[in-house]
Amino acid sequence: MSSQPQRFEILLVPQHVEGKEGAELVESAIRSAVVEATGQYGASGYPRYVGGGFEADIDPETRTVEALLVDGAELDYGLSARVVEAGG
C-alpha cells in the first residue's frame, strides 16, 4: 500500500488571498474539488490526482500543485491553487 495520500482537496483562490489559512482560505475559494490519486504520474514526475473537473500533479510531501488543468484548461491568471486535506 502506498504511503502517499490518496485524496486531497484543491481550492482555487484569487492570488490576493495569499497567506490565508484554514477556514479563511476555504471561505475565499471560488471553486474547490476533492481529487483522488490515479496511481499514475504526470509529466511533472509527481503523482496524478483527478476529480471534480480538476486534473493535477501534486507533490504529496510539500502539498504543492506542480501541474493543473481545470475542466481541461490551464488555470486563469490571477488564480492560484492551494492544497488542503480532503474535507477541511
C-alpha atoms as a PDB file:
ATOM      1  CA  MET A   1       0.000   0.000   0.000  1.00  0.00           C
ATOM      2  CA  SER A   2       1.271   3.475  -0.905  1.00  0.00           C
ATOM      3  CA  SER A   3       2.322   5.924   1.788  1.00  0.00           C
ATOM      4  CA  GLN A   4       1.215   8.810  -0.431  1.00  0.00           C
ATOM      5  CA  PRO A   5      -2.074  10.500   0.420  1.00  0.00           C
ATOM      6  CA  GLN A   6      -4.865   9.107  -1.724  1.00  0.00           C
ATOM      7  CA  ARG A   7      -7.044  12.210  -1.595  1.00  0.00           C
ATOM      8  CA  PHE A   8      -6.680  15.980  -1.372  1.00  0.00           C
ATOM      9  CA  GLU A   9      -8.920  18.982  -1.743  1.00  0.00           C
ATOM     10  CA  ILE A  10      -7.794  21.665  -4.181  1.00  0.00           C
ATOM     11  CA  LEU A  11      -9.006  25.215  -3.611  1.00  0.00           C
ATOM     12  CA  LEU A  12      -8.887  27.816  -6.383  1.00  0.00           C
ATOM     13  CA  VAL A  13      -8.395  31.201  -4.806  1.00  0.00           C
ATOM     14  CA  PRO A  14      -7.648  34.704  -6.102  1.00  0.00           C
ATOM     15  CA  GLN A  15      -3.939  35.476  -5.747  1.00  0.00           C
ATOM     16  CA  HIS A  16      -4.644  38.367  -3.365  1.00  0.00           C
ATOM     17  CA  VAL A  17      -5.637  35.872  -0.624  1.00  0.00           C
ATOM     18  CA  GLU A  18      -2.070  34.531  -0.342  1.00  0.00           C
ATOM     19  CA  GLY A  19      -1.129  33.901   3.259  1.00  0.00           C
ATOM     20  CA  LYS A  20      -4.613  32.972   4.429  1.00  0.00           C
ATOM     21  CA  GLU A  21      -5.048  29.568   6.012  1.00  0.00           C
ATOM     22  CA  GLY A  22      -7.758  27.306   7.380  1.00  0.00           C
ATOM     23  CA  ALA A  23     -11.378  28.442   7.342  1.00  0.00           C
ATOM     24  CA  GLU A  24     -10.445  31.875   5.996  1.00  0.00           C
ATOM     25  CA  LEU A  25      -8.801  30.240   2.960  1.00  0.00           C
ATOM     26  CA  VAL A  26     -11.771  27.917   2.380  1.00  0.00           C
ATOM     27  CA  GLU A  27     -14.168  30.880   2.506  1.00  0.00           C
ATOM     28  CA  SER A  28     -12.057  32.711  -0.104  1.00  0.00           C
ATOM     29  CA  ALA A  29     -12.135  29.831  -2.601  1.00  0.00           C
ATOM     30  CA  ILE A  30     -14.052  30.442  -5.798  1.00  0.00           C
ATOM     31  CA  ARG A  31     -14.066  26.726  -6.608  1.00  0.00           C
ATOM     32  CA  SER A  32     -12.919  23.541  -4.966  1.00  0.00           C
ATOM     33  CA  ALA A  33     -12.829  19.829  -5.665  1.00  0.00           C
ATOM     34  CA  VAL A  34     -11.722  16.670  -3.929  1.00  0.00           C
ATOM     35  CA  VAL A  35      -9.209  14.834  -6.089  1.00  0.00           C
ATOM     36  CA  GLU A  36      -8.110  11.232  -5.745  1.00  0.00           C
ATOM     37  CA  ALA A  37      -4.873   9.513  -6.696  1.00  0.00           C
ATOM     38  CA  THR A  38      -4.945   7.724 -10.041  1.00  0.00           C
ATOM     39  CA  GLY A  39      -1.847   5.599  -9.387  1.00  0.00           C
ATOM     40  CA  GLN A  40      -0.134   7.308 -12.328  1.00  0.00           C
ATOM     41  CA  TYR A  41       2.481  10.026 -12.540  1.00  0.00           C
ATOM     42  CA  GLY A  42       2.110  13.176 -14.611  1.00  0.00           C
ATOM     43  CA  ALA A  43       4.628  14.786 -16.961  1.00  0.00           C
ATOM     44  CA  SER A  44       5.951  16.727 -13.953  1.00  0.00           C
ATOM     45  CA  GLY A  45       7.004  13.444 -12.327  1.00  0.00           C
ATOM     46  CA  TYR A  46       4.574  13.841  -9.427  1.00  0.00           C
ATOM     47  CA  PRO A  47       1.524  11.683  -8.652  1.00  0.00           C
ATOM     48  CA  ARG A  48      -1.610  12.477 -10.671  1.00  0.00           C
ATOM     49  CA  TYR A  49      -4.871  13.287  -8.849  1.00  0.00           C
ATOM     50  CA  VAL A  50      -8.257  13.662 -10.588  1.00  0.00           C
ATOM     51  CA  GLY A  51     -11.761  14.702  -9.577  1.00  0.00           C
ATOM     52  CA  GLY A  52     -14.456  17.357  -9.924  1.00  0.00           C
ATOM     53  CA  GLY A  53     -13.112  18.653 -13.230  1.00  0.00           C
ATOM     54  CA  PHE A  54      -9.570  19.010 -11.874  1.00  0.00           C
ATOM     55  CA  GLU A  55      -6.526  17.066 -13.065  1.00  0.00           C
ATOM     56  CA  ALA A  56      -3.434  17.832 -11.001  1.00  0.00           C
ATOM     57  CA  ASP A  57       0.094  16.645 -10.398  1.00  0.00           C
ATOM     58  CA  ILE A  58       0.692  17.171  -6.683  1.00  0.00           C
ATOM     59  CA  ASP A  59       3.869  16.821  -4.657  1.00  0.00           C
ATOM     60  CA  PRO A  60       2.410  14.915  -1.680  1.00  0.00           C
ATOM     61  CA  GLU A  61       5.309  15.882   0.597  1.00  0.00           C
ATOM     62  CA  THR A  62       5.036  19.663   0.188  1.00  0.00           C
ATOM     63  CA  ARG A  63       1.392  19.704  -0.995  1.00  0.00           C
ATOM     64  CA  THR A  64       2.413  21.826  -3.960  1.00  0.00           C
ATOM     65  CA  VAL A  65       0.408  21.720  -7.188  1.00  0.00           C
ATOM     66  CA  GLU A  66       3.019  21.144  -9.887  1.00  0.00           C
ATOM     67  CA  ALA A  67       0.587  20.998 -12.849  1.00  0.00           C
ATOM     68  CA  LEU A  68      -3.134  21.695 -13.069  1.00  0.00           C
ATOM     69  CA  LEU A  69      -5.956  21.565 -15.588  1.00  0.00           C
ATOM     70  CA  VAL A  70      -9.443  22.774 -14.655  1.00  0.00           C
ATOM     71  CA  ASP A  71     -12.156  21.493 -16.985  1.00  0.00           C
ATOM     72  CA  GLY A  72      -9.373  20.676 -19.470  1.00  0.00           C
ATOM     73  CA  ALA A  73      -7.871  24.179 -19.480  1.00  0.00           C
ATOM     74  CA  GLU A  74      -4.936  25.845 -17.759  1.00  0.00           C
ATOM     75  CA  LEU A  75      -5.573  27.989 -14.713  1.00  0.00           C
ATOM     76  CA  ASP A  76      -6.582  31.598 -15.439  1.00  0.00           C
ATOM     77  CA  TYR A  77      -4.209  34.406 -14.497  1.00  0.00           C
ATOM     78  CA  GLY A  78      -4.922  35.852 -11.087  1.00  0.00           C
ATOM     79  CA  LEU A  79      -5.870  32.492  -9.580  1.00  0.00           C
ATOM     80  CA  SER A  80      -3.786  30.110  -7.534  1.00  0.00           C
ATOM     81  CA  ALA A  81      -4.348  26.550  -6.395  1.00  0.00           C
ATOM     82  CA  ARG A  82      -3.968  25.560  -2.757  1.00  0.00           C
ATOM     83  CA  VAL A  83      -3.977  22.007  -1.450  1.00  0.00           C
ATOM     84  CA  VAL A  84      -5.607  21.068   1.856  1.00  0.00           C
ATOM     85  CA  GLU A  85      -6.556  17.797   3.488  1.00  0.00           C
ATOM     86  CA  ALA A  86      -9.757  16.475   1.928  1.00  0.00           C
ATOM     87  CA  GLY A  87     -12.753  17.581   3.946  1.00  0.00           C
ATOM     88  CA  GLY A  88     -11.137  20.545   5.624  1.00  0.00           C
END
